[in-house]
């Protein structure tokens, strides 16, 4: 690429563009972006919208949000050259103090979560570490400048939000974007008020996850509401812990993507140890996408990562109370 052109593009990316921010229903913008995507990406890509009801208002630039969705949608299509499903989801999320402390860039409060998932070829950890760098690209020469995800990152940060990405080779990719809610209406209870309505328990839970920050967050949240917690950093370690202490463990929260032994294989092996083991599968991927396959292996429920305390407790209590 011409050095001058590259410099000009970086300047456009890095400068603070004048944003026309206004109160906005994110669902309406997603619907509009979907119509554009349907005309621009291959027809063998099926676009599915899972839009939350009574979505909180965000203060955002419609043009920039549309660009964000189109960039992520286009990247997802490129990752599925033989066709597949692109899933776009929205929902209200309340971020608590503990979550904010464990996730860089997050502050407590209400957010609207936008998730974009595909079932494409995915990315390894080395690639993930650079996806938001300007001009970094995995595309062939002449098929992209590498500014797509860097501009997405710039838009998200410019709106006071933050972005996370989950991906593994062969397992697809999910981007999760948190945009601050402008107003939350009656649903906008404080974190303290919300926690008073949450139900805990005294049972023992085994958390199996290779991400130490995720394990620590879930461990602290569950213990705060009365549960006993054990942890393991991969499927093999989790299987050994369960085999040794299955009579003490009431529920396993099992991450799908882990080194050494992944969640799917671990679930199969757990069932051999105890066919009635209660297992919640956890993943940053969409339940309508790759993560949905976990339910076919005998798990009794699914919980999305990163965890939110209210959802974590609700899923755990439901799983505990389910009769088998």
C-alpha atoms as a PDB file:
ATOM      1  CA  UNK A   1       0.000   0.000   0.000  1.00  0.00           C
ATOM      2  CA  UNK A   2       1.180   3.546  -0.750  1.00  0.00           C
ATOM      3  CA  UNK A   3       2.797   5.027   2.379  1.00  0.00           C
ATOM      4  CA  UNK A   4       0.964   8.352   1.980  1.00  0.00           C
ATOM      5  CA  UNK A   5      -2.407   6.609   1.588  1.00  0.00           C
ATOM      6  CA  UNK A   6      -1.685   4.449   4.619  1.00  0.00           C
ATOM      7  CA  UNK A   7      -0.808   7.534   6.686  1.00  0.00           C
ATOM      8  CA  UNK A   8      -3.965   9.328   5.603  1.00  0.00           C
ATOM      9  CA  UNK A   9      -6.137   6.353   6.565  1.00  0.00           C
ATOM     10  CA  UNK A  10      -4.486   6.104   9.977  1.00  0.00           C
ATOM     11  CA  UNK A  11      -5.078   9.825  10.502  1.00  0.00           C
ATOM     12  CA  UNK A  12      -8.749   9.422   9.674  1.00  0.00           C
ATOM     13  CA  UNK A  13      -8.975   6.482  12.031  1.00  0.00           C
ATOM     14  CA  UNK A  14      -7.160   8.080  14.957  1.00  0.00           C
ATOM     15  CA  UNK A  15      -8.663  11.579  14.910  1.00  0.00           C
ATOM     16  CA  UNK A  16     -11.830  12.352  16.836  1.00  0.00           C
ATOM     17  CA  UNK A  17     -14.433  12.553  14.134  1.00  0.00           C
ATOM     18  CA  UNK A  18     -17.406  14.801  14.759  1.00  0.00           C
ATOM     19  CA  UNK A  19     -20.070  12.420  15.984  1.00  0.00           C
ATOM     20  CA  UNK A  20     -23.771  13.102  15.663  1.00  0.00           C
ATOM     21  CA  UNK A  21     -24.842  11.328  18.833  1.00  0.00           C
ATOM     22  CA  UNK A  22     -28.501  11.159  19.740  1.00  0.00           C
ATOM     23  CA  UNK A  23     -30.771   8.957  21.898  1.00  0.00           C
ATOM     24  CA  UNK A  24     -31.153   5.764  19.920  1.00  0.00           C
ATOM     25  CA  UNK A  25     -32.872   2.386  19.987  1.00  0.00           C
ATOM     26  CA  UNK A  26     -30.078  -0.014  19.063  1.00  0.00           C
ATOM     27  CA  UNK A  27     -32.580  -2.565  17.753  1.00  0.00           C
ATOM     28  CA  UNK A  28     -33.718  -0.183  15.033  1.00  0.00           C
ATOM     29  CA  UNK A  29     -30.128   0.408  13.924  1.00  0.00           C
ATOM     30  CA  UNK A  30     -29.405  -3.323  13.863  1.00  0.00           C
ATOM     31  CA  UNK A  31     -32.500  -3.920  11.724  1.00  0.00           C
ATOM     32  CA  UNK A  32     -31.326  -1.288   9.258  1.00  0.00           C
ATOM     33  CA  UNK A  33     -27.787  -2.718   9.164  1.00  0.00           C
ATOM     34  CA  UNK A  34     -29.233  -6.182   8.541  1.00  0.00           C
ATOM     35  CA  UNK A  35     -31.016  -4.933   5.431  1.00  0.00           C
ATOM     36  CA  UNK A  36     -27.745  -3.520   4.110  1.00  0.00           C
ATOM     37  CA  UNK A  37     -25.834  -6.692   4.939  1.00  0.00           C
ATOM     38  CA  UNK A  38     -28.371  -8.808   3.078  1.00  0.00           C
ATOM     39  CA  UNK A  39     -27.545  -6.846  -0.079  1.00  0.00           C
ATOM     40  CA  UNK A  40     -23.768  -6.898   0.355  1.00  0.00           C
ATOM     41  CA  UNK A  41     -22.714 -10.298   1.743  1.00  0.00           C
ATOM     42  CA  UNK A  42     -23.120 -13.670  -0.042  1.00  0.00           C
ATOM     43  CA  UNK A  43     -26.637 -15.079  -0.065  1.00  0.00           C
ATOM     44  CA  UNK A  44     -25.533 -18.356   1.520  1.00  0.00           C
ATOM     45  CA  UNK A  45     -24.970 -16.430   4.757  1.00  0.00           C
ATOM     46  CA  UNK A  46     -28.111 -16.630   6.897  1.00  0.00           C
ATOM     47  CA  UNK A  47     -28.565 -13.585   9.145  1.00  0.00           C
ATOM     48  CA  UNK A  48     -30.507 -14.197  12.357  1.00  0.00           C
ATOM     49  CA  UNK A  49     -31.499 -11.407  14.763  1.00  0.00           C
ATOM     50  CA  UNK A  50     -32.181 -12.093  18.444  1.00  0.00           C
ATOM     51  CA  UNK A  51     -33.202  -8.653  19.667  1.00  0.00           C
ATOM     52  CA  UNK A  52     -33.921  -7.965  23.325  1.00  0.00           C
ATOM     53  CA  UNK A  53     -37.266  -6.494  24.326  1.00  0.00           C
ATOM     54  CA  UNK A  54     -37.618  -3.124  26.092  1.00  0.00           C
ATOM     55  CA  UNK A  55     -34.028  -2.273  25.210  1.00  0.00           C
ATOM     56  CA  UNK A  56     -32.540   0.668  27.087  1.00  0.00           C
ATOM     57  CA  UNK A  57     -31.722   3.825  25.138  1.00  0.00           C
ATOM     58  CA  UNK A  58     -28.108   4.563  24.169  1.00  0.00           C
ATOM     59  CA  UNK A  59     -26.555   7.867  23.153  1.00  0.00           C
ATOM     60  CA  UNK A  60     -24.878   7.045  19.856  1.00  0.00           C
ATOM     61  CA  UNK A  61     -24.088   8.153  16.332  1.00  0.00           C
ATOM     62  CA  UNK A  62     -26.361   6.100  14.014  1.00  0.00           C
ATOM     63  CA  UNK A  63     -23.877   6.231  11.141  1.00  0.00           C
ATOM     64  CA  UNK A  64     -20.992   4.992  13.280  1.00  0.00           C
ATOM     65  CA  UNK A  65     -23.084   2.224  14.855  1.00  0.00           C
ATOM     66  CA  UNK A  66     -24.192   1.125  11.404  1.00  0.00           C
ATOM     67  CA  UNK A  67     -20.549   1.087  10.267  1.00  0.00           C
ATOM     68  CA  UNK A  68     -19.659  -1.000  13.313  1.00  0.00           C
ATOM     69  CA  UNK A  69     -22.316  -3.646  12.567  1.00  0.00           C
ATOM     70  CA  UNK A  70     -21.485  -3.705   8.858  1.00  0.00           C
ATOM     71  CA  UNK A  71     -17.769  -4.189   9.562  1.00  0.00           C
ATOM     72  CA  UNK A  72     -18.386  -7.068  11.962  1.00  0.00           C
ATOM     73  CA  UNK A  73     -20.970  -8.609   9.647  1.00  0.00           C
ATOM     74  CA  UNK A  74     -18.647  -8.402   6.663  1.00  0.00           C
ATOM     75  CA  UNK A  75     -15.787  -9.973   8.625  1.00  0.00           C
ATOM     76  CA  UNK A  76     -18.113 -12.777   9.753  1.00  0.00           C
ATOM     77  CA  UNK A  77     -19.116 -13.450   6.149  1.00  0.00           C
ATOM     78  CA  UNK A  78     -15.450 -13.599   5.103  1.00  0.00           C
ATOM     79  CA  UNK A  79     -14.879 -16.207   7.826  1.00  0.00           C
ATOM     80  CA  UNK A  80     -17.627 -18.416   6.324  1.00  0.00           C
ATOM     81  CA  UNK A  81     -16.707 -18.721   2.603  1.00  0.00           C
ATOM     82  CA  UNK A  82     -18.900 -21.812   2.234  1.00  0.00           C
ATOM     83  CA  UNK A  83     -21.892 -20.221   3.944  1.00  0.00           C
ATOM     84  CA  UNK A  84     -23.170 -20.281   7.499  1.00  0.00           C
ATOM     85  CA  UNK A  85     -25.137 -18.325  10.051  1.00  0.00           C
ATOM     86  CA  UNK A  86     -24.475 -14.800  11.295  1.00  0.00           C
ATOM     87  CA  UNK A  87     -26.226 -14.125  14.611  1.00  0.00           C
ATOM     88  CA  UNK A  88     -26.741 -10.582  15.938  1.00  0.00           C
ATOM     89  CA  UNK A  89     -28.140 -10.239  19.468  1.00  0.00           C
ATOM     90  CA  UNK A  90     -29.022  -7.353  21.798  1.00  0.00           C
ATOM     91  CA  UNK A  91     -29.899  -7.283  25.484  1.00  0.00           C
ATOM     92  CA  UNK A  92     -29.770  -5.106  28.595  1.00  0.00           C
ATOM     93  CA  UNK A  93     -26.865  -5.767  30.970  1.00  0.00           C
ATOM     94  CA  UNK A  94     -26.074  -4.361  34.422  1.00  0.00           C
ATOM     95  CA  UNK A  95     -22.358  -4.365  35.234  1.00  0.00           C
ATOM     96  CA  UNK A  96     -21.523  -4.581  38.935  1.00  0.00           C
ATOM     97  CA  UNK A  97     -18.518  -3.255  40.817  1.00  0.00           C
ATOM     98  CA  UNK A  98     -16.802  -6.644  41.064  1.00  0.00           C
ATOM     99  CA  UNK A  99     -17.144  -7.315  37.342  1.00  0.00           C
ATOM    100  CA  UNK A 100     -15.783  -3.849  36.553  1.00  0.00           C
ATOM    101  CA  UNK A 101     -12.714  -4.458  38.705  1.00  0.00           C
ATOM    102  CA  UNK A 102     -11.936  -7.693  36.865  1.00  0.00           C
ATOM    103  CA  UNK A 103     -12.439  -6.446  33.304  1.00  0.00           C
ATOM    104  CA  UNK A 104     -10.231  -3.706  31.895  1.00  0.00           C
ATOM    105  CA  UNK A 105     -12.121  -0.641  30.721  1.00  0.00           C
ATOM    106  CA  UNK A 106     -15.460  -1.481  32.347  1.00  0.00           C
ATOM    107  CA  UNK A 107     -17.265   0.793  34.794  1.00  0.00           C
ATOM    108  CA  UNK A 108     -20.323  -0.148  36.856  1.00  0.00           C
ATOM    109  CA  UNK A 109     -23.733   0.679  35.423  1.00  0.00           C
ATOM    110  CA  UNK A 110     -26.284  -0.215  32.771  1.00  0.00           C
ATOM    111  CA  UNK A 111     -25.227  -1.209  29.276  1.00  0.00           C
ATOM    112  CA  UNK A 112     -26.840  -2.429  26.084  1.00  0.00           C
ATOM    113  CA  UNK A 113     -24.949  -5.494  24.881  1.00  0.00           C
ATOM    114  CA  UNK A 114     -24.557  -6.080  21.147  1.00  0.00           C
ATOM    115  CA  UNK A 115     -23.234  -9.535  20.189  1.00  0.00           C
ATOM    116  CA  UNK A 116     -22.171 -10.567  16.696  1.00  0.00           C
ATOM    117  CA  UNK A 117     -21.400 -14.280  16.212  1.00  0.00           C
ATOM    118  CA  UNK A 118     -20.387 -16.519  13.342  1.00  0.00           C
ATOM    119  CA  UNK A 119     -19.596 -20.204  12.830  1.00  0.00           C
ATOM    120  CA  UNK A 120     -16.525 -19.484  10.730  1.00  0.00           C
ATOM    121  CA  UNK A 121     -12.922 -20.652  10.870  1.00  0.00           C
ATOM    122  CA  UNK A 122     -12.114 -18.675  14.039  1.00  0.00           C
ATOM    123  CA  UNK A 123      -8.772 -17.279  15.217  1.00  0.00           C
ATOM    124  CA  UNK A 124      -5.901 -18.473  17.365  1.00  0.00           C
ATOM    125  CA  UNK A 125      -4.702 -16.613  20.461  1.00  0.00           C
ATOM    126  CA  UNK A 126      -1.823 -14.926  18.640  1.00  0.00           C
ATOM    127  CA  UNK A 127      -4.191 -13.452  16.065  1.00  0.00           C
ATOM    128  CA  UNK A 128      -6.676 -12.404  18.752  1.00  0.00           C
ATOM    129  CA  UNK A 129      -3.963 -10.380  20.465  1.00  0.00           C
ATOM    130  CA  UNK A 130      -3.618  -8.123  17.378  1.00  0.00           C
ATOM    131  CA  UNK A 131      -7.089  -7.910  15.831  1.00  0.00           C
ATOM    132  CA  UNK A 132      -7.657  -4.292  16.903  1.00  0.00           C
ATOM    133  CA  UNK A 133      -4.241  -3.064  15.729  1.00  0.00           C
ATOM    134  CA  UNK A 134      -4.449  -0.657  12.751  1.00  0.00           C
ATOM    135  CA  UNK A 135      -3.483  -2.397   9.482  1.00  0.00           C
ATOM    136  CA  UNK A 136      -3.226  -5.840  11.047  1.00  0.00           C
ATOM    137  CA  UNK A 137      -5.101  -8.242   8.789  1.00  0.00           C
ATOM    138  CA  UNK A 138      -5.361 -11.942   8.016  1.00  0.00           C
ATOM    139  CA  UNK A 139      -6.761 -11.210   4.544  1.00  0.00           C
ATOM    140  CA  UNK A 140      -4.839 -11.702   1.335  1.00  0.00           C
ATOM    141  CA  UNK A 141      -3.131  -8.719  -0.266  1.00  0.00           C
ATOM    142  CA  UNK A 142      -5.662  -6.533  -2.035  1.00  0.00           C
ATOM    143  CA  UNK A 143      -8.615  -7.806   0.024  1.00  0.00           C
ATOM    144  CA  UNK A 144      -8.555  -5.340   2.891  1.00  0.00           C
ATOM    145  CA  UNK A 145      -6.449  -2.737   4.678  1.00  0.00           C
ATOM    146  CA  UNK A 146      -6.852  -4.126   8.170  1.00  0.00           C
ATOM    147  CA  UNK A 147      -8.664  -1.012   9.417  1.00  0.00           C
ATOM    148  CA  UNK A 148     -12.032  -2.753   9.875  1.00  0.00           C
ATOM    149  CA  UNK A 149     -11.658  -3.984  13.462  1.00  0.00           C
ATOM    150  CA  UNK A 150      -9.451  -1.050  14.439  1.00  0.00           C
ATOM    151  CA  UNK A 151     -12.248   1.311  13.411  1.00  0.00           C
ATOM    152  CA  UNK A 152     -14.786  -0.825  15.294  1.00  0.00           C
ATOM    153  CA  UNK A 153     -12.618  -0.517  18.396  1.00  0.00           C
ATOM    154  CA  UNK A 154     -12.335   3.246  17.904  1.00  0.00           C
ATOM    155  CA  UNK A 155     -16.108   3.647  17.565  1.00  0.00           C
ATOM    156  CA  UNK A 156     -16.807   1.574  20.683  1.00  0.00           C
ATOM    157  CA  UNK A 157     -14.261   3.432  22.820  1.00  0.00           C
ATOM    158  CA  UNK A 158     -15.460   6.767  21.425  1.00  0.00           C
ATOM    159  CA  UNK A 159     -18.928   5.939  22.741  1.00  0.00           C
ATOM    160  CA  UNK A 160     -17.581   5.130  26.200  1.00  0.00           C
ATOM    161  CA  UNK A 161     -18.115   1.414  25.713  1.00  0.00           C
ATOM    162  CA  UNK A 162     -15.893  -1.629  25.549  1.00  0.00           C
ATOM    163  CA  UNK A 163     -15.510  -4.692  23.362  1.00  0.00           C
ATOM    164  CA  UNK A 164     -14.540  -8.321  23.948  1.00  0.00           C
ATOM    165  CA  UNK A 165     -13.873 -11.119  21.462  1.00  0.00           C
ATOM    166  CA  UNK A 166     -14.129 -14.894  21.855  1.00  0.00           C
ATOM    167  CA  UNK A 167     -12.658 -17.102  19.154  1.00  0.00           C
ATOM    168  CA  UNK A 168     -10.854 -20.390  18.601  1.00  0.00           C
ATOM    169  CA  UNK A 169      -9.700 -22.114  15.410  1.00  0.00           C
ATOM    170  CA  UNK A 170     -12.603 -24.017  13.919  1.00  0.00           C
ATOM    171  CA  UNK A 171     -15.054 -22.784  16.565  1.00  0.00           C
ATOM    172  CA  UNK A 172     -16.210 -19.461  15.159  1.00  0.00           C
ATOM    173  CA  UNK A 173     -16.030 -15.968  16.629  1.00  0.00           C
ATOM    174  CA  UNK A 174     -18.221 -13.813  18.869  1.00  0.00           C
ATOM    175  CA  UNK A 175     -17.756 -10.082  19.428  1.00  0.00           C
ATOM    176  CA  UNK A 176     -19.490  -8.567  22.464  1.00  0.00           C
ATOM    177  CA  UNK A 177     -19.899  -4.787  22.537  1.00  0.00           C
ATOM    178  CA  UNK A 178     -21.125  -2.947  25.627  1.00  0.00           C
ATOM    179  CA  UNK A 179     -22.597   0.531  25.009  1.00  0.00           C
ATOM    180  CA  UNK A 180     -23.528   2.648  28.066  1.00  0.00           C
ATOM    181  CA  UNK A 181     -27.264   2.996  28.581  1.00  0.00           C
ATOM    182  CA  UNK A 182     -28.516   6.560  28.548  1.00  0.00           C
ATOM    183  CA  UNK A 183     -31.597   5.760  30.609  1.00  0.00           C
ATOM    184  CA  UNK A 184     -32.762   2.511  32.141  1.00  0.00           C
ATOM    185  CA  UNK A 185     -36.325   3.288  33.193  1.00  0.00           C
ATOM    186  CA  UNK A 186     -37.898   1.164  35.891  1.00  0.00           C
ATOM    187  CA  UNK A 187     -35.494  -1.688  35.126  1.00  0.00           C
ATOM    188  CA  UNK A 188     -32.493   0.426  36.021  1.00  0.00           C
ATOM    189  CA  UNK A 189     -32.168  -0.676  39.643  1.00  0.00           C
ATOM    190  CA  UNK A 190     -28.841  -0.176  41.341  1.00  0.00           C
ATOM    191  CA  UNK A 191     -26.516  -3.144  41.685  1.00  0.00           C
ATOM    192  CA  UNK A 192     -27.183  -3.172  45.437  1.00  0.00           C
ATOM    193  CA  UNK A 193     -30.954  -3.261  44.909  1.00  0.00           C
ATOM    194  CA  UNK A 194     -30.608  -6.025  42.335  1.00  0.00           C
ATOM    195  CA  UNK A 195     -28.449  -8.154  44.614  1.00  0.00           C
ATOM    196  CA  UNK A 196     -31.080  -8.059  47.352  1.00  0.00           C
ATOM    197  CA  UNK A 197     -33.442  -9.866  44.964  1.00  0.00           C
ATOM    198  CA  UNK A 198     -30.916 -12.560  44.005  1.00  0.00           C
ATOM    199  CA  UNK A 199     -31.190 -16.067  45.424  1.00  0.00           C
ATOM    200  CA  UNK A 200     -28.160 -18.054  46.583  1.00  0.00           C
ATOM    201  CA  UNK A 201     -27.731 -21.452  48.206  1.00  0.00           C
ATOM    202  CA  UNK A 202     -25.425 -23.720  50.183  1.00  0.00           C
ATOM    203  CA  UNK A 203     -24.590 -26.395  47.598  1.00  0.00           C
ATOM    204  CA  UNK A 204     -21.115 -27.122  46.207  1.00  0.00           C
ATOM    205  CA  UNK A 205     -20.204 -26.015  42.687  1.00  0.00           C
ATOM    206  CA  UNK A 206     -17.185 -26.987  40.593  1.00  0.00           C
ATOM    207  CA  UNK A 207     -16.061 -24.250  38.171  1.00  0.00           C
ATOM    208  CA  UNK A 208     -13.935 -25.509  35.264  1.00  0.00           C
ATOM    209  CA  UNK A 209     -12.409 -22.690  33.202  1.00  0.00           C
ATOM    210  CA  UNK A 210      -8.938 -21.908  31.875  1.00  0.00           C
ATOM    211  CA  UNK A 211      -9.410 -18.143  32.373  1.00  0.00           C
ATOM    212  CA  UNK A 212      -8.232 -17.267  35.884  1.00  0.00           C
ATOM    213  CA  UNK A 213     -10.118 -13.952  35.992  1.00  0.00           C
ATOM    214  CA  UNK A 214     -13.366 -15.716  35.021  1.00  0.00           C
ATOM    215  CA  UNK A 215     -12.816 -18.408  37.690  1.00  0.00           C
ATOM    216  CA  UNK A 216     -12.074 -15.820  40.355  1.00  0.00           C
ATOM    217  CA  UNK A 217     -15.085 -13.697  39.460  1.00  0.00           C
ATOM    218  CA  UNK A 218     -17.504 -16.650  39.532  1.00  0.00           C
ATOM    219  CA  UNK A 219     -15.896 -18.034  42.677  1.00  0.00           C
ATOM    220  CA  UNK A 220     -16.268 -14.751  44.568  1.00  0.00           C
ATOM    221  CA  UNK A 221     -19.823 -14.140  43.357  1.00  0.00           C
ATOM    222  CA  UNK A 222     -21.057 -17.623  44.246  1.00  0.00           C
ATOM    223  CA  UNK A 223     -19.356 -17.663  47.642  1.00  0.00           C
ATOM    224  CA  UNK A 224     -20.870 -14.288  48.460  1.00  0.00           C
ATOM    225  CA  UNK A 225     -24.303 -15.872  48.045  1.00  0.00           C
ATOM    226  CA  UNK A 226     -23.552 -18.875  50.223  1.00  0.00           C
ATOM    227  CA  UNK A 227     -22.295 -21.535  47.808  1.00  0.00           C
ATOM    228  CA  UNK A 228     -19.221 -23.709  48.356  1.00  0.00           C
ATOM    229  CA  UNK A 229     -16.885 -23.552  45.353  1.00  0.00           C
ATOM    230  CA  UNK A 230     -14.126 -25.714  43.873  1.00  0.00           C
ATOM    231  CA  UNK A 231     -12.174 -24.718  40.765  1.00  0.00           C
ATOM    232  CA  UNK A 232     -10.187 -26.362  37.972  1.00  0.00           C
ATOM    233  CA  UNK A 233      -8.205 -24.775  35.128  1.00  0.00           C
ATOM    234  CA  UNK A 234      -8.945 -27.292  32.347  1.00  0.00           C
ATOM    235  CA  UNK A 235     -11.182 -30.212  31.499  1.00  0.00           C
ATOM    236  CA  UNK A 236      -8.739 -32.911  32.593  1.00  0.00           C
ATOM    237  CA  UNK A 237      -8.200 -31.269  35.973  1.00  0.00           C
ATOM    238  CA  UNK A 238     -11.941 -30.761  36.340  1.00  0.00           C
ATOM    239  CA  UNK A 239     -12.640 -34.408  35.506  1.00  0.00           C
ATOM    240  CA  UNK A 240     -10.106 -35.551  38.110  1.00  0.00           C
ATOM    241  CA  UNK A 241     -11.592 -33.255  40.752  1.00  0.00           C
ATOM    242  CA  UNK A 242     -15.095 -34.479  40.000  1.00  0.00           C
ATOM    243  CA  UNK A 243     -14.008 -38.144  40.015  1.00  0.00           C
ATOM    244  CA  UNK A 244     -12.409 -37.679  43.434  1.00  0.00           C
ATOM    245  CA  UNK A 245     -15.237 -35.666  44.995  1.00  0.00           C
ATOM    246  CA  UNK A 246     -18.379 -36.434  42.993  1.00  0.00           C
ATOM    247  CA  UNK A 247     -20.391 -37.117  46.151  1.00  0.00           C
ATOM    248  CA  UNK A 248     -19.698 -33.580  47.351  1.00  0.00           C
ATOM    249  CA  UNK A 249     -20.282 -31.711  44.068  1.00  0.00           C
ATOM    250  CA  UNK A 250     -23.847 -30.684  43.212  1.00  0.00           C
ATOM    251  CA  UNK A 251     -23.193 -28.767  39.978  1.00  0.00           C
ATOM    252  CA  UNK A 252     -20.411 -28.272  37.432  1.00  0.00           C
ATOM    253  CA  UNK A 253     -20.015 -25.048  35.451  1.00  0.00           C
ATOM    254  CA  UNK A 254     -17.977 -26.136  32.435  1.00  0.00           C
ATOM    255  CA  UNK A 255     -16.328 -23.838  29.908  1.00  0.00           C
ATOM    256  CA  UNK A 256     -16.599 -25.079  26.325  1.00  0.00           C
ATOM    257  CA  UNK A 257     -13.234 -23.913  24.984  1.00  0.00           C
ATOM    258  CA  UNK A 258     -10.211 -24.993  27.048  1.00  0.00           C
ATOM    259  CA  UNK A 259      -6.752 -26.431  26.390  1.00  0.00           C
ATOM    260  CA  UNK A 260      -5.747 -29.995  27.404  1.00  0.00           C
ATOM    261  CA  UNK A 261      -9.376 -31.152  27.404  1.00  0.00           C
ATOM    262  CA  UNK A 262     -12.250 -29.049  26.092  1.00  0.00           C
ATOM    263  CA  UNK A 263     -15.725 -28.772  27.552  1.00  0.00           C
ATOM    264  CA  UNK A 264     -17.439 -31.182  25.150  1.00  0.00           C
ATOM    265  CA  UNK A 265     -15.035 -34.030  25.865  1.00  0.00           C
ATOM    266  CA  UNK A 266     -15.031 -33.271  29.579  1.00  0.00           C
ATOM    267  CA  UNK A 267     -18.838 -33.466  29.653  1.00  0.00           C
ATOM    268  CA  UNK A 268     -18.763 -36.863  27.957  1.00  0.00           C
ATOM    269  CA  UNK A 269     -16.248 -38.140  30.514  1.00  0.00           C
ATOM    270  CA  UNK A 270     -18.185 -36.658  33.436  1.00  0.00           C
ATOM    271  CA  UNK A 271     -21.259 -38.546  32.288  1.00  0.00           C
ATOM    272  CA  UNK A 272     -19.263 -41.778  32.454  1.00  0.00           C
ATOM    273  CA  UNK A 273     -18.376 -41.035  36.069  1.00  0.00           C
ATOM    274  CA  UNK A 274     -21.931 -39.992  36.916  1.00  0.00           C
ATOM    275  CA  UNK A 275     -24.713 -40.214  34.304  1.00  0.00           C
ATOM    276  CA  UNK A 276     -26.837 -37.853  36.414  1.00  0.00           C
ATOM    277  CA  UNK A 277     -24.212 -35.145  36.874  1.00  0.00           C
ATOM    278  CA  UNK A 278     -25.676 -31.656  36.626  1.00  0.00           C
ATOM    279  CA  UNK A 279     -23.614 -29.563  34.219  1.00  0.00           C
ATOM    280  CA  UNK A 280     -24.010 -25.977  33.022  1.00  0.00           C
ATOM    281  CA  UNK A 281     -22.038 -25.206  29.856  1.00  0.00           C
ATOM    282  CA  UNK A 282     -20.409 -21.772  29.688  1.00  0.00           C
ATOM    283  CA  UNK A 283     -19.120 -19.886  26.659  1.00  0.00           C
ATOM    284  CA  UNK A 284     -18.601 -16.479  25.148  1.00  0.00           C
ATOM    285  CA  UNK A 285     -20.152 -17.835  21.944  1.00  0.00           C
ATOM    286  CA  UNK A 286     -23.825 -17.486  21.138  1.00  0.00           C
ATOM    287  CA  UNK A 287     -26.115 -20.296  22.313  1.00  0.00           C
ATOM    288  CA  UNK A 288     -27.720 -20.069  18.870  1.00  0.00           C
ATOM    289  CA  UNK A 289     -24.349 -20.638  17.274  1.00  0.00           C
ATOM    290  CA  UNK A 290     -21.499 -23.002  18.132  1.00  0.00           C
ATOM    291  CA  UNK A 291     -22.330 -23.108  21.839  1.00  0.00           C
ATOM    292  CA  UNK A 292     -25.716 -24.622  21.076  1.00  0.00           C
ATOM    293  CA  UNK A 293     -24.012 -27.911  20.238  1.00  0.00           C
ATOM    294  CA  UNK A 294     -23.116 -28.306  23.913  1.00  0.00           C
ATOM    295  CA  UNK A 295     -26.741 -28.802  24.830  1.00  0.00           C
ATOM    296  CA  UNK A 296     -26.886 -31.876  22.627  1.00  0.00           C
ATOM    297  CA  UNK A 297     -24.274 -33.539  24.864  1.00  0.00           C
ATOM    298  CA  UNK A 298     -26.528 -33.667  27.916  1.00  0.00           C
ATOM    299  CA  UNK A 299     -25.907 -30.347  29.682  1.00  0.00           C
ATOM    300  CA  UNK A 300     -28.924 -29.032  31.591  1.00  0.00           C
ATOM    301  CA  UNK A 301     -28.312 -25.389  30.798  1.00  0.00           C
ATOM    302  CA  UNK A 302     -26.101 -22.718  29.259  1.00  0.00           C
ATOM    303  CA  UNK A 303     -24.638 -19.498  30.618  1.00  0.00           C
ATOM    304  CA  UNK A 304     -23.044 -16.758  28.566  1.00  0.00           C
ATOM    305  CA  UNK A 305     -19.599 -15.325  29.306  1.00  0.00           C
ATOM    306  CA  UNK A 306     -18.484 -12.930  30.599  1.00  0.00           C
ATOM    307  CA  UNK A 307     -20.703 -13.696  33.583  1.00  0.00           C
ATOM    308  CA  UNK A 308     -23.149 -11.227  35.057  1.00  0.00           C
ATOM    309  CA  UNK A 309     -23.880 -11.937  38.740  1.00  0.00           C
ATOM    310  CA  UNK A 310     -27.668 -11.875  38.349  1.00  0.00           C
ATOM    311  CA  UNK A 311     -27.671 -14.286  35.402  1.00  0.00           C
ATOM    312  CA  UNK A 312     -25.057 -16.534  37.009  1.00  0.00           C
ATOM    313  CA  UNK A 313     -27.091 -16.931  40.181  1.00  0.00           C
ATOM    314  CA  UNK A 314     -30.325 -17.424  38.275  1.00  0.00           C
ATOM    315  CA  UNK A 315     -28.875 -20.137  36.023  1.00  0.00           C
ATOM    316  CA  UNK A 316     -27.234 -21.900  38.945  1.00  0.00           C
ATOM    317  CA  UNK A 317     -30.398 -21.877  41.056  1.00  0.00           C
ATOM    318  CA  UNK A 318     -32.502 -23.156  38.163  1.00  0.00           C
ATOM    319  CA  UNK A 319     -30.034 -25.974  37.511  1.00  0.00           C
ATOM    320  CA  UNK A 320     -29.884 -26.904  41.193  1.00  0.00           C
ATOM    321  CA  UNK A 321     -33.657 -27.077  41.475  1.00  0.00           C
ATOM    322  CA  UNK A 322     -34.162 -29.123  38.311  1.00  0.00           C
ATOM    323  CA  UNK A 323     -35.182 -32.720  39.004  1.00  0.00           C
ATOM    324  CA  UNK A 324     -33.434 -35.479  37.070  1.00  0.00           C
END
